Amino acid sequence: RQARYSEIDSMADHNGDSLPFLASRAPSPEHDAS
């Protein structure tokens, strides 16, 4: 459905700084930074 109705917007969203929704969150205490 998204591909049918938002193809142009979707393509624009993924140009430039790609995949912003995968920006890292603060790690949980049991996991180190690496």
PDB file of all heavy atoms in Angstrom:
ATOM      1  N   ARG A   1       0.840  -1.208   0.000  1.00  0.00           N
ATOM      2  CA  ARG A   1       0.000   0.000   0.000  1.00  0.00           C
ATOM      3  C   ARG A   1       0.870   1.251   0.000  1.00  0.00           C
ATOM      4  O   ARG A   1       0.589   2.224  -0.707  1.00  0.00           O
ATOM      5  CB  ARG A   1      -0.930  -0.004   1.210  1.00  0.00           C
ATOM      6  CG  ARG A   1      -2.055  -1.007   1.134  1.00  0.00           C
ATOM      7  CD  ARG A   1      -3.144  -0.712   2.156  1.00  0.00           C
ATOM      8  NE  ARG A   1      -2.652  -0.775   3.522  1.00  0.00           N
ATOM      9  CZ  ARG A   1      -2.632  -1.877   4.265  1.00  0.00           C
ATOM     10  NH1 ARG A   1      -3.050  -3.029   3.741  1.00  0.00           N
ATOM     11  NH2 ARG A   1      -2.190  -1.852   5.503  1.00  0.00           N
ATOM     12  N   GLN A   2       1.922   1.225   0.786  1.00  0.00           N
ATOM     13  CA  GLN A   2       2.812   2.378   0.843  1.00  0.00           C
ATOM     14  C   GLN A   2       3.474   2.610  -0.503  1.00  0.00           C
ATOM     15  O   GLN A   2       3.642   3.751  -0.933  1.00  0.00           O
ATOM     16  CB  GLN A   2       3.880   2.148   1.919  1.00  0.00           C
ATOM     17  CG  GLN A   2       3.356   2.188   3.338  1.00  0.00           C
ATOM     18  CD  GLN A   2       4.408   1.782   4.344  1.00  0.00           C
ATOM     19  OE1 GLN A   2       5.433   1.199   3.997  1.00  0.00           O
ATOM     20  NE2 GLN A   2       4.158   2.077   5.600  1.00  0.00           N
ATOM     21  N   ALA A   3       3.844   1.524  -1.173  1.00  0.00           N
ATOM     22  CA  ALA A   3       4.497   1.655  -2.476  1.00  0.00           C
ATOM     23  C   ALA A   3       3.553   2.253  -3.506  1.00  0.00           C
ATOM     24  O   ALA A   3       3.967   3.045  -4.354  1.00  0.00           O
ATOM     25  CB  ALA A   3       4.996   0.283  -2.947  1.00  0.00           C
ATOM     26  N   ARG A   4       2.282   1.891  -3.416  1.00  0.00           N
ATOM     27  CA  ARG A   4       1.313   2.403  -4.393  1.00  0.00           C
ATOM     28  C   ARG A   4       1.021   3.883  -4.199  1.00  0.00           C
ATOM     29  O   ARG A   4       0.955   4.651  -5.144  1.00  0.00           O
ATOM     30  CB  ARG A   4      -0.002   1.614  -4.292  1.00  0.00           C
ATOM     31  CG  ARG A   4       0.037   0.238  -4.915  1.00  0.00           C
ATOM     32  CD  ARG A   4      -1.360  -0.275  -5.193  1.00  0.00           C
ATOM     33  NE  ARG A   4      -2.151  -0.352  -3.964  1.00  0.00           N
ATOM     34  CZ  ARG A   4      -2.236  -1.419  -3.195  1.00  0.00           C
ATOM     35  NH1 ARG A   4      -1.569  -2.515  -3.530  1.00  0.00           N
ATOM     36  NH2 ARG A   4      -2.982  -1.431  -2.106  1.00  0.00           N
ATOM     37  N   TYR A   5       0.850   4.285  -2.930  1.00  0.00           N
ATOM     38  CA  TYR A   5       0.377   5.638  -2.659  1.00  0.00           C
ATOM     39  C   TYR A   5       1.472   6.644  -2.293  1.00  0.00           C
ATOM     40  O   TYR A   5       1.242   7.840  -2.289  1.00  0.00           O
ATOM     41  CB  TYR A   5      -0.656   5.609  -1.526  1.00  0.00           C
ATOM     42  CG  TYR A   5      -1.875   4.788  -1.856  1.00  0.00           C
ATOM     43  CD1 TYR A   5      -2.213   3.669  -1.100  1.00  0.00           C
ATOM     44  CD2 TYR A   5      -2.690   5.112  -2.936  1.00  0.00           C
ATOM     45  CE1 TYR A   5      -3.328   2.897  -1.410  1.00  0.00           C
ATOM     46  CE2 TYR A   5      -3.797   4.354  -3.251  1.00  0.00           C
ATOM     47  CZ  TYR A   5      -4.116   3.243  -2.488  1.00  0.00           C
ATOM     48  OH  TYR A   5      -5.215   2.483  -2.797  1.00  0.00           O
ATOM     49  N   SER A   6       2.668   6.144  -1.975  1.00  0.00           N
ATOM     50  CA  SER A   6       3.703   7.073  -1.504  1.00  0.00           C
ATOM     51  C   SER A   6       5.049   6.836  -2.165  1.00  0.00           C
ATOM     52  O   SER A   6       6.094   7.081  -1.572  1.00  0.00           O
ATOM     53  CB  SER A   6       3.861   6.945   0.020  1.00  0.00           C
ATOM     54  OG  SER A   6       2.636   7.126   0.673  1.00  0.00           O
ATOM     55  N   GLU A   7       5.045   6.366  -3.398  1.00  0.00           N
ATOM     56  CA  GLU A   7       6.299   6.008  -4.046  1.00  0.00           C
ATOM     57  C   GLU A   7       7.252   7.194  -4.161  1.00  0.00           C
ATOM     58  O   GLU A   7       8.430   7.099  -3.825  1.00  0.00           O
ATOM     59  CB  GLU A   7       6.023   5.426  -5.434  1.00  0.00           C
ATOM     60  CG  GLU A   7       7.296   4.970  -6.134  1.00  0.00           C
ATOM     61  CD  GLU A   7       7.013   4.308  -7.465  1.00  0.00           C
ATOM     62  OE1 GLU A   7       5.820   4.192  -7.823  1.00  0.00           O
ATOM     63  OE2 GLU A   7       7.975   3.924  -8.139  1.00  0.00           O
ATOM     64  N   ILE A   8       6.761   8.332  -4.605  1.00  0.00           N
ATOM     65  CA  ILE A   8       7.633   9.481  -4.797  1.00  0.00           C
ATOM     66  C   ILE A   8       8.173   9.986  -3.462  1.00  0.00           C
ATOM     67  O   ILE A   8       9.368  10.230  -3.291  1.00  0.00           O
ATOM     68  CB  ILE A   8       6.892  10.621  -5.536  1.00  0.00           C
ATOM     69  CG1 ILE A   8       6.517  10.146  -6.943  1.00  0.00           C
ATOM     70  CG2 ILE A   8       7.750  11.872  -5.585  1.00  0.00           C
ATOM     71  CD1 ILE A   8       5.726  11.175  -7.730  1.00  0.00           C
ATOM     72  N   ASP A   9       7.261  10.121  -2.475  1.00  0.00           N
ATOM     73  CA  ASP A   9       7.689  10.583  -1.158  1.00  0.00           C
ATOM     74  C   ASP A   9       8.667   9.607  -0.524  1.00  0.00           C
ATOM     75  O   ASP A   9       9.637  10.002   0.126  1.00  0.00           O
ATOM     76  CB  ASP A   9       6.481  10.757  -0.234  1.00  0.00           C
ATOM     77  CG  ASP A   9       5.629  11.952  -0.628  1.00  0.00           C
ATOM     78  OD1 ASP A   9       6.151  12.814  -1.364  1.00  0.00           O
ATOM     79  OD2 ASP A   9       4.463  12.011  -0.210  1.00  0.00           O
ATOM     80  N   SER A  10       8.417   8.334  -0.722  1.00  0.00           N
ATOM     81  CA  SER A  10       9.279   7.317  -0.125  1.00  0.00           C
ATOM     82  C   SER A  10      10.688   7.416  -0.694  1.00  0.00           C
ATOM     83  O   SER A  10      11.672   7.320   0.020  1.00  0.00           O
ATOM     84  CB  SER A  10       8.710   5.928  -0.372  1.00  0.00           C
ATOM     85  OG  SER A  10       9.558   4.940   0.143  1.00  0.00           O
ATOM     86  N   MET A  11      10.789   7.613  -2.007  1.00  0.00           N
ATOM     87  CA  MET A  11      12.098   7.726  -2.629  1.00  0.00           C
ATOM     88  C   MET A  11      12.834   8.951  -2.113  1.00  0.00           C
ATOM     89  O   MET A  11      14.029   8.914  -1.847  1.00  0.00           O
ATOM     90  CB  MET A  11      11.952   7.804  -4.153  1.00  0.00           C
ATOM     91  CG  MET A  11      11.484   6.505  -4.788  1.00  0.00           C
ATOM     92  SD  MET A  11      11.183   6.677  -6.551  1.00  0.00           S
ATOM     93  CE  MET A  11      12.829   7.104  -7.117  1.00  0.00           C
ATOM     94  N   ALA A  12      12.111  10.031  -1.919  1.00  0.00           N
ATOM     95  CA  ALA A  12      12.737  11.247  -1.409  1.00  0.00           C
ATOM     96  C   ALA A  12      13.218  11.059   0.025  1.00  0.00           C
ATOM     97  O   ALA A  12      14.279  11.532   0.411  1.00  0.00           O
ATOM     98  CB  ALA A  12      11.753  12.408  -1.484  1.00  0.00           C
ATOM     99  N   ASP A  13      12.434  10.343   0.817  1.00  0.00           N
ATOM    100  CA  ASP A  13      12.785  10.135   2.220  1.00  0.00           C
ATOM    101  C   ASP A  13      14.096   9.390   2.378  1.00  0.00           C
ATOM    102  O   ASP A  13      14.810   9.593   3.359  1.00  0.00           O
ATOM    103  CB  ASP A  13      11.681   9.344   2.939  1.00  0.00           C
ATOM    104  CG  ASP A  13      10.443  10.197   3.167  1.00  0.00           C
ATOM    105  OD1 ASP A  13      10.565  11.420   3.058  1.00  0.00           O
ATOM    106  OD2 ASP A  13       9.367   9.614   3.422  1.00  0.00           O
ATOM    107  N   HIS A  14      14.431   8.519   1.419  1.00  0.00           N
ATOM    108  CA  HIS A  14      15.621   7.698   1.580  1.00  0.00           C
ATOM    109  C   HIS A  14      16.841   8.274   0.875  1.00  0.00           C
ATOM    110  O   HIS A  14      17.868   7.610   0.802  1.00  0.00           O
ATOM    111  CB  HIS A  14      15.351   6.279   1.077  1.00  0.00           C
ATOM    112  CG  HIS A  14      14.387   5.551   1.960  1.00  0.00           C
ATOM    113  ND1 HIS A  14      14.672   5.225   3.259  1.00  0.00           N
ATOM    114  CD2 HIS A  14      13.125   5.107   1.738  1.00  0.00           C
ATOM    115  CE1 HIS A  14      13.652   4.607   3.803  1.00  0.00           C
ATOM    116  NE2 HIS A  14      12.691   4.527   2.904  1.00  0.00           N
ATOM    117  N   ASN A  15      16.745   9.489   0.349  1.00  0.00           N
ATOM    118  CA  ASN A  15      17.903  10.172  -0.208  1.00  0.00           C
ATOM    119  C   ASN A  15      18.618  10.924   0.907  1.00  0.00           C
ATOM    120  O   ASN A  15      18.047  11.238   1.938  1.00  0.00           O
ATOM    121  CB  ASN A  15      17.490  11.148  -1.314  1.00  0.00           C
ATOM    122  CG  ASN A  15      17.069  10.419  -2.573  1.00  0.00           C
ATOM    123  OD1 ASN A  15      17.564   9.333  -2.853  1.00  0.00           O
ATOM    124  ND2 ASN A  15      16.155  11.009  -3.331  1.00  0.00           N
ATOM    125  N   GLY A  16      19.851  11.237   0.664  1.00  0.00           N
ATOM    126  CA  GLY A  16      20.585  11.990   1.678  1.00  0.00           C
ATOM    127  C   GLY A  16      20.964  11.123   2.854  1.00  0.00           C
ATOM    128  O   GLY A  16      21.511  10.033   2.699  1.00  0.00           O
ATOM    129  N   ASP A  17      20.646  11.566   4.061  1.00  0.00           N
ATOM    130  CA  ASP A  17      20.992  10.841   5.282  1.00  0.00           C
ATOM    131  C   ASP A  17      20.049   9.664   5.425  1.00  0.00           C
ATOM    132  O   ASP A  17      18.957   9.789   5.957  1.00  0.00           O
ATOM    133  CB  ASP A  17      20.880  11.777   6.489  1.00  0.00           C
ATOM    134  CG  ASP A  17      21.390  11.132   7.756  1.00  0.00           C
ATOM    135  OD1 ASP A  17      22.039  10.072   7.644  1.00  0.00           O
ATOM    136  OD2 ASP A  17      21.151  11.683   8.835  1.00  0.00           O
ATOM    137  N   SER A  18      20.465   8.487   4.944  1.00  0.00           N
ATOM    138  CA  SER A  18      19.549   7.354   4.839  1.00  0.00           C
ATOM    139  C   SER A  18      19.232   6.717   6.167  1.00  0.00           C
ATOM    140  O   SER A  18      20.021   6.745   7.105  1.00  0.00           O
ATOM    141  CB  SER A  18      20.159   6.292   3.916  1.00  0.00           C
ATOM    142  OG  SER A  18      21.357   5.806   4.482  1.00  0.00           O
ATOM    143  N   LEU A  19      18.041   6.114   6.216  1.00  0.00           N
ATOM    144  CA  LEU A  19      17.589   5.308   7.343  1.00  0.00           C
ATOM    145  C   LEU A  19      17.730   5.990   8.697  1.00  0.00           C
ATOM    146  O   LEU A  19      18.361   5.472   9.618  1.00  0.00           O
ATOM    147  CB  LEU A  19      18.358   3.976   7.365  1.00  0.00           C
ATOM    148  CG  LEU A  19      18.316   3.188   6.049  1.00  0.00           C
ATOM    149  CD1 LEU A  19      19.161   1.944   6.166  1.00  0.00           C
ATOM    150  CD2 LEU A  19      16.902   2.838   5.681  1.00  0.00           C
ATOM    151  N   PRO A  20      17.132   7.190   8.873  1.00  0.00           N
ATOM    152  CA  PRO A  20      17.264   7.891  10.150  1.00  0.00           C
ATOM    153  C   PRO A  20      16.630   7.152  11.305  1.00  0.00           C
ATOM    154  O   PRO A  20      17.008   7.359  12.454  1.00  0.00           O
ATOM    155  CB  PRO A  20      16.533   9.221   9.885  1.00  0.00           C
ATOM    156  CG  PRO A  20      15.569   8.912   8.790  1.00  0.00           C
ATOM    157  CD  PRO A  20      16.280   7.912   7.912  1.00  0.00           C
ATOM    158  N   PHE A  21      15.660   6.250  11.035  1.00  0.00           N
ATOM    159  CA  PHE A  21      14.981   5.553  12.119  1.00  0.00           C
ATOM    160  C   PHE A  21      15.890   4.538  12.799  1.00  0.00           C
ATOM    161  O   PHE A  21      15.541   3.980  13.821  1.00  0.00           O
ATOM    162  CB  PHE A  21      13.727   4.847  11.609  1.00  0.00           C
ATOM    163  CG  PHE A  21      13.932   4.070  10.345  1.00  0.00           C
ATOM    164  CD1 PHE A  21      14.494   2.809  10.382  1.00  0.00           C
ATOM    165  CD2 PHE A  21      13.570   4.619   9.135  1.00  0.00           C
ATOM    166  CE1 PHE A  21      14.674   2.093   9.218  1.00  0.00           C
ATOM    167  CE2 PHE A  21      13.756   3.901   7.964  1.00  0.00           C
ATOM    168  CZ  PHE A  21      14.311   2.640   8.001  1.00  0.00           C
ATOM    169  N   LEU A  22      17.088   4.278  12.190  1.00  0.00           N
ATOM    170  CA  LEU A  22      18.021   3.354  12.823  1.00  0.00           C
ATOM    171  C   LEU A  22      19.061   4.071  13.666  1.00  0.00           C
ATOM    172  O   LEU A  22      20.053   3.472  14.064  1.00  0.00           O
ATOM    173  CB  LEU A  22      18.731   2.506  11.759  1.00  0.00           C
ATOM    174  CG  LEU A  22      17.907   1.354  11.187  1.00  0.00           C
ATOM    175  CD1 LEU A  22      18.678   0.677  10.063  1.00  0.00           C
ATOM    176  CD2 LEU A  22      17.573   0.346  12.266  1.00  0.00           C
ATOM    177  N   ALA A  23      18.830   5.361  13.959  1.00  0.00           N
ATOM    178  CA  ALA A  23      19.762   6.090  14.809  1.00  0.00           C
ATOM    179  C   ALA A  23      19.924   5.354  16.123  1.00  0.00           C
ATOM    180  O   ALA A  23      18.967   4.879  16.711  1.00  0.00           O
ATOM    181  CB  ALA A  23      19.240   7.505  15.056  1.00  0.00           C
ATOM    182  N   SER A  24      21.171   5.280  16.583  1.00  0.00           N
ATOM    183  CA  SER A  24      21.437   4.460  17.768  1.00  0.00           C
ATOM    184  C   SER A  24      20.825   5.063  19.016  1.00  0.00           C
ATOM    185  O   SER A  24      20.747   6.271  19.184  1.00  0.00           O
ATOM    186  CB  SER A  24      22.953   4.327  17.965  1.00  0.00           C
ATOM    187  OG  SER A  24      23.533   5.597  18.145  1.00  0.00           O
ATOM    188  N   ARG A  25      20.359   4.167  19.912  1.00  0.00           N
ATOM    189  CA  ARG A  25      19.858   4.579  21.214  1.00  0.00           C
ATOM    190  C   ARG A  25      20.926   4.292  22.244  1.00  0.00           C
ATOM    191  O   ARG A  25      21.853   3.518  22.007  1.00  0.00           O
ATOM    192  CB  ARG A  25      18.580   3.807  21.556  1.00  0.00           C
ATOM    193  CG  ARG A  25      17.416   4.113  20.617  1.00  0.00           C
ATOM    194  CD  ARG A  25      16.182   3.333  21.035  1.00  0.00           C
ATOM    195  NE  ARG A  25      15.028   3.704  20.240  1.00  0.00           N
ATOM    196  CZ  ARG A  25      14.746   3.188  19.062  1.00  0.00           C
ATOM    197  NH1 ARG A  25      15.534   2.294  18.531  1.00  0.00           N
ATOM    198  NH2 ARG A  25      13.671   3.573  18.400  1.00  0.00           N
ATOM    199  N   ALA A  26      20.791   4.896  23.412  1.00  0.00           N
ATOM    200  CA  ALA A  26      21.752   4.643  24.474  1.00  0.00           C
ATOM    201  C   ALA A  26      21.759   3.165  24.809  1.00  0.00           C
ATOM    202  O   ALA A  26      20.708   2.559  24.985  1.00  0.00           O
ATOM    203  CB  ALA A  26      21.379   5.457  25.710  1.00  0.00           C
ATOM    204  N   PRO A  27      22.924   2.528  24.859  1.00  0.00           N
ATOM    205  CA  PRO A  27      22.973   1.097  25.152  1.00  0.00           C
ATOM    206  C   PRO A  27      22.506   0.800  26.560  1.00  0.00           C
ATOM    207  O   PRO A  27      22.659   1.609  27.460  1.00  0.00           O
ATOM    208  CB  PRO A  27      24.464   0.763  24.977  1.00  0.00           C
ATOM    209  CG  PRO A  27      25.167   2.057  25.209  1.00  0.00           C
ATOM    210  CD  PRO A  27      24.248   3.123  24.666  1.00  0.00           C
ATOM    211  N   SER A  28      21.933  -0.399  26.730  1.00  0.00           N
ATOM    212  CA  SER A  28      21.494  -0.803  28.056  1.00  0.00           C
ATOM    213  C   SER A  28      22.726  -1.058  28.920  1.00  0.00           C
ATOM    214  O   SER A  28      23.809  -1.336  28.398  1.00  0.00           O
ATOM    215  CB  SER A  28      20.624  -2.050  27.955  1.00  0.00           C
ATOM    216  OG  SER A  28      21.324  -3.071  27.283  1.00  0.00           O
ATOM    217  N   PRO A  29      22.579  -1.000  30.242  1.00  0.00           N
ATOM    218  CA  PRO A  29      23.729  -1.141  31.133  1.00  0.00           C
ATOM    219  C   PRO A  29      24.518  -2.419  30.917  1.00  0.00           C
ATOM    220  O   PRO A  29      25.742  -2.423  31.102  1.00  0.00           O
ATOM    221  CB  PRO A  29      23.082  -1.114  32.521  1.00  0.00           C
ATOM    222  CG  PRO A  29      21.825  -0.346  32.330  1.00  0.00           C
ATOM    223  CD  PRO A  29      21.338  -0.715  30.967  1.00  0.00           C
ATOM    224  N   GLU A  30      23.850  -3.506  30.525  1.00  0.00           N
ATOM    225  CA  GLU A  30      24.548  -4.775  30.401  1.00  0.00           C
ATOM    226  C   GLU A  30      25.333  -4.924  29.103  1.00  0.00           C
ATOM    227  O   GLU A  30      25.977  -5.924  28.871  1.00  0.00           O
ATOM    228  CB  GLU A  30      23.550  -5.941  30.543  1.00  0.00           C
ATOM    229  CG  GLU A  30      22.544  -6.070  29.430  1.00  0.00           C
ATOM    230  CD  GLU A  30      21.286  -5.261  29.704  1.00  0.00           C
ATOM    231  OE1 GLU A  30      21.335  -4.364  30.575  1.00  0.00           O
ATOM    232  OE2 GLU A  30      20.260  -5.515  29.057  1.00  0.00           O
ATOM    233  N   HIS A  31      25.241  -3.944  28.234  1.00  0.00           N
ATOM    234  CA  HIS A  31      25.985  -3.994  26.975  1.00  0.00           C
ATOM    235  C   HIS A  31      26.996  -2.854  26.936  1.00  0.00           C
ATOM    236  O   HIS A  31      26.663  -1.713  27.220  1.00  0.00           O
ATOM    237  CB  HIS A  31      25.040  -3.870  25.774  1.00  0.00           C
ATOM    238  CG  HIS A  31      24.184  -5.065  25.570  1.00  0.00           C
ATOM    239  ND1 HIS A  31      23.052  -5.313  26.319  1.00  0.00           N
ATOM    240  CD2 HIS A  31      24.294  -6.117  24.716  1.00  0.00           C
ATOM    241  CE1 HIS A  31      22.503  -6.442  25.933  1.00  0.00           C
ATOM    242  NE2 HIS A  31      23.238  -6.942  24.961  1.00  0.00           N
ATOM    243  N   ASP A  32      28.209  -3.153  26.550  1.00  0.00           N
ATOM    244  CA  ASP A  32      29.207  -2.096  26.460  1.00  0.00           C
ATOM    245  C   ASP A  32      29.063  -1.359  25.136  1.00  0.00           C
ATOM    246  O   ASP A  32      28.333  -1.758  24.240  1.00  0.00           O
ATOM    247  CB  ASP A  32      30.622  -2.642  26.654  1.00  0.00           C
ATOM    248  CG  ASP A  32      30.968  -3.719  25.643  1.00  0.00           C
ATOM    249  OD1 ASP A  32      30.411  -3.702  24.524  1.00  0.00           O
ATOM    250  OD2 ASP A  32      31.807  -4.580  25.973  1.00  0.00           O
ATOM    251  N   ALA A  33      29.822  -0.279  25.013  1.00  0.00           N
ATOM    252  CA  ALA A  33      29.674   0.593  23.849  1.00  0.00           C
ATOM    253  C   ALA A  33      30.032  -0.124  22.555  1.00  0.00           C
ATOM    254  O   ALA A  33      29.388   0.077  21.519  1.00  0.00           O
ATOM    255  CB  ALA A  33      30.546   1.834  24.019  1.00  0.00           C
ATOM    256  N   SER A  34      31.035  -0.989  22.577  1.00  0.00           N
ATOM    257  CA  SER A  34      31.442  -1.658  21.342  1.00  0.00           C
ATOM    258  C   SER A  34      30.368  -2.606  20.835  1.00  0.00           C
ATOM    259  O   SER A  34      30.139  -2.709  19.631  1.00  0.00           O
ATOM    260  CB  SER A  34      32.750  -2.423  21.565  1.00  0.00           C
ATOM    261  OG  SER A  34      32.582  -3.427  22.543  1.00  0.00           O
TER     262      SER A  34
END
